[in-house]
Structures are given as structure tokens and as C-alpha cells.
Amino acid sequence: MINDSINCLDIIILSETWNSTGFTPQNIIGFSSYKSENNLNQNDGVLIYTNNKHNISINQLQLFSEASCIKINLNVNNKPITIIAAYRSPQSNINIFLSELSTLMTSGSYSQ
């Protein structure tokens, strides 16, 4: 039942995944997995599963000093799409994160 539901999905994004050193994501048949590498604390982390029917590129970026993130690029109906998945711990400084997010969104530097 759950496998039928998962196979209808294109992208699964999980946060607070505890991506410690040596962490290996659970395999989901028909999907590729990518995890953040720039974790800031033990319960940090972002994990993305992408359906293998998509040709994607993935970037490990240090876009935020207060959050972990992964950026993926894909094409849907010949239109480029960029998805940035981020996790910010509640203990981190929200004002710094929002300032960095605002700069990122207005500069367009996320599309590189």
C-alpha cells in the first residue's frame, strides 16, 4: 500500500534527519537519495529522494550559515525548476537566517 503511494511521487524531502557521519539513507526502490553534508548539529540534516524517471543535478551548497541545505535542478515539461530544501534548527538565529534567505531570493544566486 505505501509502495503504491510512494511510486506516485516525484520528490520526497525530509528534514531533521540526523545525518551523522556514516549515515546511509534507507533505499527506496525507484528513487535516488541525496543528503546534506554541511550539518550544524546532531539532529540536523536534509534528505531528498528523487524518482529515477527525472534527470536531476544536485548541489551541496553552503547558502546559509544557520541552516543545512541541498539544491536540486530538474526539467519538467522543458521548464527548469530549482528546489532548495533547508533545515534550520530552532536554536539557531532566525534573524540571520531570514536575512540570508532574503539576500538569496533577491540576488537569484540560488539558480547557479
C-alpha atoms as a PDB file:
ATOM      1  CA  MET A   1       0.000   0.000   0.000  1.00  0.00           C
ATOM      2  CA  ILE A   2       2.692   2.518   0.947  1.00  0.00           C
ATOM      3  CA  ASN A   3       4.813   1.479  -2.049  1.00  0.00           C
ATOM      4  CA  ASP A   4       1.923   2.322  -4.383  1.00  0.00           C
ATOM      5  CA  SER A   5       1.678   5.777  -2.815  1.00  0.00           C
ATOM      6  CA  ILE A   6       5.413   6.391  -2.978  1.00  0.00           C
ATOM      7  CA  ASN A   7       5.615   5.421  -6.648  1.00  0.00           C
ATOM      8  CA  CYS A   8       3.181   8.253  -7.475  1.00  0.00           C
ATOM      9  CA  LEU A   9       5.647  10.783  -6.038  1.00  0.00           C
ATOM     10  CA  ASP A  10       8.407  12.601  -7.890  1.00  0.00           C
ATOM     11  CA  ILE A  11      10.308  14.156  -4.976  1.00  0.00           C
ATOM     12  CA  ILE A  12      10.330  13.430  -1.242  1.00  0.00           C
ATOM     13  CA  ILE A  13      12.018  15.961   1.059  1.00  0.00           C
ATOM     14  CA  LEU A  14      12.715  15.147   4.709  1.00  0.00           C
ATOM     15  CA  SER A  15      14.285  17.387   7.335  1.00  0.00           C
ATOM     16  CA  GLU A  16      15.795  16.911  10.794  1.00  0.00           C
ATOM     17  CA  THR A  17      17.172  13.591   9.585  1.00  0.00           C
ATOM     18  CA  TRP A  18      20.117  13.261  11.982  1.00  0.00           C
ATOM     19  CA  ASN A  19      22.650  12.925   9.149  1.00  0.00           C
ATOM     20  CA  SER A  20      25.611  11.965  11.304  1.00  0.00           C
ATOM     21  CA  THR A  21      28.934  10.801   9.890  1.00  0.00           C
ATOM     22  CA  GLY A  22      28.441   7.416   8.284  1.00  0.00           C
ATOM     23  CA  PHE A  23      24.669   7.882   7.927  1.00  0.00           C
ATOM     24  CA  THR A  24      23.288   5.943   4.958  1.00  0.00           C
ATOM     25  CA  PRO A  25      19.752   6.779   3.800  1.00  0.00           C
ATOM     26  CA  GLN A  26      17.205   3.972   3.563  1.00  0.00           C
ATOM     27  CA  ASN A  27      16.877   2.730  -0.011  1.00  0.00           C
ATOM     28  CA  ILE A  28      13.538   3.322  -1.758  1.00  0.00           C
ATOM     29  CA  ILE A  29      13.213   1.305  -4.966  1.00  0.00           C
ATOM     30  CA  GLY A  30      12.929   3.593  -7.997  1.00  0.00           C
ATOM     31  CA  PHE A  31      14.408   6.606  -6.184  1.00  0.00           C
ATOM     32  CA  SER A  32      17.843   8.145  -5.728  1.00  0.00           C
ATOM     33  CA  SER A  33      18.723   9.697  -2.376  1.00  0.00           C
ATOM     34  CA  TYR A  34      20.808  12.746  -1.512  1.00  0.00           C
ATOM     35  CA  LYS A  35      21.674  14.020   1.957  1.00  0.00           C
ATOM     36  CA  SER A  36      23.046  17.298   3.223  1.00  0.00           C
ATOM     37  CA  GLU A  37      26.706  17.215   4.166  1.00  0.00           C
ATOM     38  CA  ASN A  38      27.002  20.556   5.979  1.00  0.00           C
ATOM     39  CA  ASN A  39      25.184  19.602   9.167  1.00  0.00           C
ATOM     40  CA  LEU A  40      25.449  22.012  12.062  1.00  0.00           C
ATOM     41  CA  ASN A  41      24.337  19.761  14.950  1.00  0.00           C
ATOM     42  CA  GLN A  42      23.448  16.128  15.696  1.00  0.00           C
ATOM     43  CA  ASN A  43      19.766  16.305  14.721  1.00  0.00           C
ATOM     44  CA  ASP A  44      20.359  18.457  11.683  1.00  0.00           C
ATOM     45  CA  GLY A  45      20.054  17.331   8.109  1.00  0.00           C
ATOM     46  CA  VAL A  46      18.064  17.319   4.899  1.00  0.00           C
ATOM     47  CA  LEU A  47      17.360  14.219   2.834  1.00  0.00           C
ATOM     48  CA  ILE A  48      15.899  14.275  -0.678  1.00  0.00           C
ATOM     49  CA  TYR A  49      14.615  11.305  -2.645  1.00  0.00           C
ATOM     50  CA  THR A  50      14.021  11.832  -6.367  1.00  0.00           C
ATOM     51  CA  ASN A  51      12.149   9.488  -8.658  1.00  0.00           C
ATOM     52  CA  ASN A  52      14.611   7.920 -11.098  1.00  0.00           C
ATOM     53  CA  LYS A  53      12.443   8.992 -14.043  1.00  0.00           C
ATOM     54  CA  HIS A  54      13.838  12.514 -13.593  1.00  0.00           C
ATOM     55  CA  ASN A  55      17.262  13.664 -14.731  1.00  0.00           C
ATOM     56  CA  ILE A  56      18.390  15.944 -11.947  1.00  0.00           C
ATOM     57  CA  SER A  57      21.512  17.734 -10.839  1.00  0.00           C
ATOM     58  CA  ILE A  58      22.262  18.185  -7.178  1.00  0.00           C
ATOM     59  CA  ASN A  59      24.426  20.732  -5.411  1.00  0.00           C
ATOM     60  CA  GLN A  60      25.695  20.728  -1.861  1.00  0.00           C
ATOM     61  CA  LEU A  61      25.638  24.422  -1.094  1.00  0.00           C
ATOM     62  CA  GLN A  62      26.562  26.482   1.909  1.00  0.00           C
ATOM     63  CA  LEU A  63      23.827  29.046   1.273  1.00  0.00           C
ATOM     64  CA  PHE A  64      23.099  29.643   4.937  1.00  0.00           C
ATOM     65  CA  SER A  65      25.316  29.965   7.985  1.00  0.00           C
ATOM     66  CA  GLU A  66      22.368  28.936  10.199  1.00  0.00           C
ATOM     67  CA  ALA A  67      20.880  26.044   8.164  1.00  0.00           C
ATOM     68  CA  SER A  68      21.722  22.917   6.176  1.00  0.00           C
ATOM     69  CA  CYS A  69      20.506  22.729   2.609  1.00  0.00           C
ATOM     70  CA  ILE A  70      20.550  20.874  -0.690  1.00  0.00           C
ATOM     71  CA  LYS A  71      19.668  22.314  -4.094  1.00  0.00           C
ATOM     72  CA  ILE A  72      18.285  20.229  -6.944  1.00  0.00           C
ATOM     73  CA  ASN A  73      17.636  21.254 -10.536  1.00  0.00           C
ATOM     74  CA  LEU A  74      15.332  19.398 -12.892  1.00  0.00           C
ATOM     75  CA  ASN A  75      13.273  19.995 -16.000  1.00  0.00           C
ATOM     76  CA  VAL A  76       9.521  19.458 -16.103  1.00  0.00           C
ATOM     77  CA  ASN A  77       7.833  19.912 -19.477  1.00  0.00           C
ATOM     78  CA  ASN A  78      11.051  21.561 -20.734  1.00  0.00           C
ATOM     79  CA  LYS A  79      10.918  24.159 -17.943  1.00  0.00           C
ATOM     80  CA  PRO A  80      13.816  24.361 -15.482  1.00  0.00           C
ATOM     81  CA  ILE A  81      12.875  24.044 -11.821  1.00  0.00           C
ATOM     82  CA  THR A  82      15.142  24.685  -8.847  1.00  0.00           C
ATOM     83  CA  ILE A  83      14.227  23.324  -5.424  1.00  0.00           C
ATOM     84  CA  ILE A  84      16.146  24.268  -2.303  1.00  0.00           C
ATOM     85  CA  ALA A  85      15.458  22.147   0.770  1.00  0.00           C
ATOM     86  CA  ALA A  86      16.711  23.614   4.037  1.00  0.00           C
ATOM     87  CA  TYR A  87      16.596  22.799   7.732  1.00  0.00           C
ATOM     88  CA  ARG A  88      17.157  25.456  10.386  1.00  0.00           C
ATOM     89  CA  SER A  89      17.393  24.347  13.994  1.00  0.00           C
ATOM     90  CA  PRO A  90      15.098  26.207  16.414  1.00  0.00           C
ATOM     91  CA  GLN A  91      18.230  27.070  18.424  1.00  0.00           C
ATOM     92  CA  SER A  92      19.825  28.948  15.525  1.00  0.00           C
ATOM     93  CA  ASN A  93      19.401  32.671  14.971  1.00  0.00           C
ATOM     94  CA  ILE A  94      16.192  33.257  12.996  1.00  0.00           C
ATOM     95  CA  ASN A  95      17.139  36.837  12.098  1.00  0.00           C
ATOM     96  CA  ILE A  96      20.412  35.777  10.475  1.00  0.00           C
ATOM     97  CA  PHE A  97      18.628  33.007   8.565  1.00  0.00           C
ATOM     98  CA  LEU A  98      15.870  35.328   7.313  1.00  0.00           C
ATOM     99  CA  SER A  99      18.426  37.927   6.245  1.00  0.00           C
ATOM    100  CA  GLU A 100      20.425  35.311   4.314  1.00  0.00           C
ATOM    101  CA  LEU A 101      17.228  33.921   2.771  1.00  0.00           C
ATOM    102  CA  SER A 102      16.135  37.391   1.682  1.00  0.00           C
ATOM    103  CA  THR A 103      19.537  38.065   0.114  1.00  0.00           C
ATOM    104  CA  LEU A 104      19.458  34.705  -1.642  1.00  0.00           C
ATOM    105  CA  MET A 105      15.981  35.246  -3.078  1.00  0.00           C
ATOM    106  CA  THR A 106      16.624  38.806  -4.271  1.00  0.00           C
ATOM    107  CA  SER A 107      20.055  38.054  -5.743  1.00  0.00           C
ATOM    108  CA  GLY A 108      18.985  34.968  -7.664  1.00  0.00           C
ATOM    109  CA  SER A 109      22.269  33.286  -6.732  1.00  0.00           C
ATOM    110  CA  TYR A 110      20.347  30.086  -5.981  1.00  0.00           C
ATOM    111  CA  SER A 111      19.931  29.447  -9.713  1.00  0.00           C
ATOM    112  CA  GLN A 112      23.639  28.801 -10.319  1.00  0.00           C
END
